Amino acid sequence: ASCSDDTTAKLWALGQPKCLHDLREHGKEIYTIRWSPTGTGSPNPNKKLVLASASFDSMVKLWDVETGACTHSLNRHDKKV
């Protein structure tokens, strides 16, 4: 996964020239992304893998990595996240 000042995050698969999902729901630059401690090879292998993105729009969004859908928007921050 990658994030950018263009307000998007992208999900990639190694060996594929195009991104799998182009995540476009933030209104400002995305500052960081983090993977959930879930999925294959983790202490929580039976839970779905989730990507979190934090943006200068004061929002944290949680993404379903299989569909590229935003599953939750955490919007109670007063400042940049």
N, C-alpha and C. Protein backbone atom coordinates (compact mmCIF):
# COMPACT_ATOMS: atom_id res chain seq x y z
N ALA A 1 0.85 -1.18 0.00
CA ALA A 1 0.00 0.00 0.00
C ALA A 1 0.89 1.24 0.00
N SER A 2 0.34 2.30 -0.54
CA SER A 2 1.05 3.58 -0.56
C SER A 2 0.04 4.70 -0.32
N CYS A 3 0.56 5.86 0.13
CA CYS A 3 -0.30 7.03 0.30
C CYS A 3 0.42 8.24 -0.28
N SER A 4 -0.35 9.33 -0.48
CA SER A 4 0.23 10.44 -1.23
C SER A 4 -0.39 11.78 -0.85
N ASP A 5 0.30 12.83 -1.26
CA ASP A 5 -0.21 14.19 -1.13
C ASP A 5 -1.38 14.45 -2.08
N ASP A 6 -1.63 13.55 -3.02
CA ASP A 6 -2.75 13.75 -3.95
C ASP A 6 -4.08 13.31 -3.35
N THR A 7 -4.12 13.05 -2.06
CA THR A 7 -5.28 12.65 -1.25
C THR A 7 -5.72 11.21 -1.46
N THR A 8 -4.90 10.39 -2.10
CA THR A 8 -5.27 9.00 -2.32
C THR A 8 -4.33 8.04 -1.60
N ALA A 9 -4.85 6.85 -1.37
CA ALA A 9 -4.03 5.71 -0.96
C ALA A 9 -4.27 4.65 -2.04
N LYS A 10 -3.29 3.81 -2.26
CA LYS A 10 -3.41 2.78 -3.28
C LYS A 10 -3.00 1.43 -2.71
N LEU A 11 -3.72 0.40 -3.14
CA LEU A 11 -3.38 -0.97 -2.78
C LEU A 11 -2.77 -1.64 -3.99
N TRP A 12 -1.64 -2.29 -3.79
CA TRP A 12 -0.87 -2.88 -4.88
C TRP A 12 -0.70 -4.38 -4.67
N ALA A 13 -0.44 -5.09 -5.76
CA ALA A 13 -0.04 -6.49 -5.71
C ALA A 13 1.29 -6.59 -6.45
N LEU A 14 2.25 -7.24 -5.84
CA LEU A 14 3.56 -7.39 -6.47
C LEU A 14 3.40 -8.07 -7.82
N GLY A 15 4.11 -7.57 -8.79
CA GLY A 15 4.09 -8.16 -10.12
C GLY A 15 2.96 -7.65 -11.01
N GLN A 16 2.10 -6.79 -10.48
CA GLN A 16 1.03 -6.22 -11.30
C GLN A 16 1.34 -4.75 -11.56
N PRO A 17 1.21 -4.32 -12.81
CA PRO A 17 1.59 -2.94 -13.16
C PRO A 17 0.63 -1.87 -12.66
N LYS A 18 -0.63 -2.23 -12.38
CA LYS A 18 -1.61 -1.25 -11.92
C LYS A 18 -2.03 -1.57 -10.49
N CYS A 19 -2.49 -0.53 -9.81
CA CYS A 19 -2.95 -0.75 -8.43
C CYS A 19 -4.25 -1.54 -8.43
N LEU A 20 -4.47 -2.28 -7.36
CA LEU A 20 -5.70 -3.06 -7.21
C LEU A 20 -6.88 -2.17 -6.85
N HIS A 21 -6.63 -1.22 -5.95
CA HIS A 21 -7.68 -0.30 -5.51
C HIS A 21 -7.09 1.09 -5.33
N ASP A 22 -7.81 2.08 -5.78
CA ASP A 22 -7.44 3.49 -5.65
C ASP A 22 -8.42 4.08 -4.63
N LEU A 23 -7.94 4.32 -3.42
CA LEU A 23 -8.79 4.73 -2.30
C LEU A 23 -8.87 6.25 -2.27
N ARG A 24 -10.06 6.79 -2.59
CA ARG A 24 -10.23 8.23 -2.81
C ARG A 24 -11.31 8.87 -1.97
N GLU A 25 -11.26 8.77 -0.68
CA GLU A 25 -12.31 9.40 0.13
C GLU A 25 -11.79 10.48 1.08
N HIS A 26 -10.49 10.72 1.09
CA HIS A 26 -9.95 11.79 1.94
C HIS A 26 -10.04 13.12 1.20
N GLY A 27 -10.18 14.20 1.96
CA GLY A 27 -10.28 15.53 1.38
C GLY A 27 -8.97 16.28 1.33
N LYS A 28 -7.95 15.79 2.03
CA LYS A 28 -6.62 16.41 2.04
C LYS A 28 -5.57 15.32 2.00
N GLU A 29 -4.32 15.74 2.02
CA GLU A 29 -3.20 14.81 1.93
C GLU A 29 -3.29 13.71 2.99
N ILE A 30 -2.89 12.51 2.60
CA ILE A 30 -2.84 11.40 3.55
C ILE A 30 -1.45 11.37 4.15
N TYR A 31 -1.41 11.44 5.47
CA TYR A 31 -0.15 11.54 6.19
C TYR A 31 0.50 10.18 6.41
N THR A 32 -0.32 9.17 6.70
CA THR A 32 0.24 7.86 6.99
C THR A 32 -0.80 6.77 6.77
N ILE A 33 -0.32 5.55 6.60
CA ILE A 33 -1.17 4.37 6.52
C ILE A 33 -0.58 3.29 7.42
N ARG A 34 -1.45 2.42 7.92
CA ARG A 34 -0.99 1.31 8.77
C ARG A 34 -1.87 0.10 8.51
N TRP A 35 -1.25 -1.07 8.53
CA TRP A 35 -1.99 -2.34 8.41
C TRP A 35 -2.46 -2.79 9.77
N SER A 36 -3.61 -3.44 9.80
CA SER A 36 -4.10 -4.03 11.04
C SER A 36 -3.24 -5.26 11.38
N PRO A 37 -3.16 -5.62 12.65
CA PRO A 37 -2.41 -6.82 13.05
C PRO A 37 -3.29 -8.07 12.89
N THR A 38 -3.79 -8.26 11.67
CA THR A 38 -4.72 -9.35 11.38
C THR A 38 -4.34 -10.02 10.07
N GLY A 39 -5.01 -11.11 9.76
CA GLY A 39 -4.77 -11.81 8.50
C GLY A 39 -3.71 -12.88 8.62
N THR A 40 -3.43 -13.52 7.51
CA THR A 40 -2.47 -14.61 7.44
C THR A 40 -1.12 -14.20 8.00
N GLY A 41 -0.54 -15.04 8.85
CA GLY A 41 0.78 -14.78 9.41
C GLY A 41 0.77 -13.87 10.63
N SER A 42 -0.40 -13.47 11.10
CA SER A 42 -0.49 -12.57 12.26
C SER A 42 -1.01 -13.35 13.47
N PRO A 43 -1.01 -12.70 14.63
CA PRO A 43 -1.61 -13.33 15.81
C PRO A 43 -3.13 -13.47 15.69
N ASN A 44 -3.73 -12.81 14.71
CA ASN A 44 -5.18 -12.84 14.50
C ASN A 44 -5.49 -13.31 13.08
N PRO A 45 -5.16 -14.54 12.73
CA PRO A 45 -5.28 -14.99 11.34
C PRO A 45 -6.71 -15.10 10.83
N ASN A 46 -7.69 -15.18 11.71
CA ASN A 46 -9.08 -15.34 11.27
C ASN A 46 -9.83 -14.02 11.12
N LYS A 47 -9.18 -12.92 11.40
CA LYS A 47 -9.78 -11.59 11.24
C LYS A 47 -9.36 -11.01 9.89
N LYS A 48 -10.25 -10.22 9.29
CA LYS A 48 -9.95 -9.61 8.00
C LYS A 48 -8.82 -8.60 8.11
N LEU A 49 -8.01 -8.55 7.06
CA LEU A 49 -6.95 -7.55 6.97
C LEU A 49 -7.57 -6.20 6.64
N VAL A 50 -7.16 -5.17 7.38
CA VAL A 50 -7.71 -3.82 7.22
C VAL A 50 -6.56 -2.85 7.07
N LEU A 51 -6.75 -1.82 6.25
CA LEU A 51 -5.79 -0.73 6.12
C LEU A 51 -6.41 0.52 6.73
N ALA A 52 -5.63 1.22 7.55
CA ALA A 52 -6.07 2.49 8.12
C ALA A 52 -5.28 3.61 7.46
N SER A 53 -5.96 4.71 7.13
CA SER A 53 -5.29 5.88 6.57
C SER A 53 -5.64 7.09 7.42
N ALA A 54 -4.65 7.94 7.67
CA ALA A 54 -4.84 9.15 8.45
C ALA A 54 -4.44 10.35 7.59
N SER A 55 -5.27 11.41 7.65
CA SER A 55 -5.11 12.51 6.72
C SER A 55 -5.11 13.86 7.41
N PHE A 56 -4.63 14.86 6.69
CA PHE A 56 -4.70 16.23 7.16
C PHE A 56 -6.14 16.76 7.15
N ASP A 57 -7.09 15.98 6.66
CA ASP A 57 -8.50 16.37 6.74
C ASP A 57 -9.11 16.00 8.11
N SER A 58 -8.27 15.59 9.05
CA SER A 58 -8.65 15.23 10.43
C SER A 58 -9.45 13.94 10.51
N MET A 59 -9.34 13.09 9.50
CA MET A 59 -10.10 11.84 9.46
C MET A 59 -9.14 10.64 9.44
N VAL A 60 -9.58 9.58 10.10
CA VAL A 60 -8.95 8.27 9.95
C VAL A 60 -9.99 7.40 9.26
N LYS A 61 -9.58 6.71 8.23
CA LYS A 61 -10.51 5.84 7.50
C LYS A 61 -9.98 4.41 7.54
N LEU A 62 -10.90 3.47 7.68
CA LEU A 62 -10.56 2.05 7.67
C LEU A 62 -11.08 1.45 6.37
N TRP A 63 -10.22 0.67 5.71
CA TRP A 63 -10.51 0.17 4.37
C TRP A 63 -10.52 -1.35 4.34
N ASP A 64 -11.49 -1.90 3.65
CA ASP A 64 -11.53 -3.33 3.35
C ASP A 64 -10.58 -3.55 2.17
N VAL A 65 -9.50 -4.29 2.40
CA VAL A 65 -8.48 -4.40 1.36
C VAL A 65 -8.91 -5.32 0.21
N GLU A 66 -9.90 -6.14 0.42
CA GLU A 66 -10.37 -7.01 -0.66
C GLU A 66 -11.25 -6.25 -1.65
N THR A 67 -12.08 -5.34 -1.14
CA THR A 67 -13.01 -4.62 -2.01
C THR A 67 -12.58 -3.19 -2.30
N GLY A 68 -11.71 -2.62 -1.46
CA GLY A 68 -11.33 -1.22 -1.60
C GLY A 68 -12.36 -0.26 -1.02
N ALA A 69 -13.35 -0.78 -0.31
CA ALA A 69 -14.41 0.05 0.27
C ALA A 69 -13.98 0.60 1.63
N CYS A 70 -14.37 1.84 1.88
CA CYS A 70 -14.17 2.44 3.20
C CYS A 70 -15.24 1.87 4.12
N THR A 71 -14.81 1.22 5.19
CA THR A 71 -15.77 0.59 6.11
C THR A 71 -16.11 1.46 7.31
N HIS A 72 -15.20 2.37 7.68
CA HIS A 72 -15.44 3.27 8.80
C HIS A 72 -14.69 4.58 8.57
N SER A 73 -15.31 5.68 8.97
CA SER A 73 -14.66 6.99 8.99
C SER A 73 -14.68 7.49 10.42
N LEU A 74 -13.51 7.71 10.97
CA LEU A 74 -13.38 8.20 12.34
C LEU A 74 -13.14 9.70 12.26
N ASN A 75 -14.15 10.47 12.64
CA ASN A 75 -14.11 11.91 12.37
C ASN A 75 -14.22 12.79 13.61
N ARG A 76 -13.79 12.31 14.74
CA ARG A 76 -13.92 13.11 15.97
C ARG A 76 -12.66 13.89 16.33
N HIS A 77 -11.68 13.91 15.43
CA HIS A 77 -10.47 14.67 15.68
C HIS A 77 -10.70 16.15 15.36
N ASP A 78 -10.10 17.03 16.15
CA ASP A 78 -10.22 18.46 15.92
C ASP A 78 -9.11 19.01 15.04
N LYS A 79 -8.01 18.25 14.94
CA LYS A 79 -6.85 18.71 14.18
C LYS A 79 -6.38 17.62 13.24
N LYS A 80 -5.35 17.93 12.50
CA LYS A 80 -4.77 16.94 11.57
C LYS A 80 -4.41 15.67 12.31
N VAL A 81 -4.56 14.55 11.63
CA VAL A 81 -4.25 13.27 12.24
C VAL A 81 -2.96 12.74 11.65
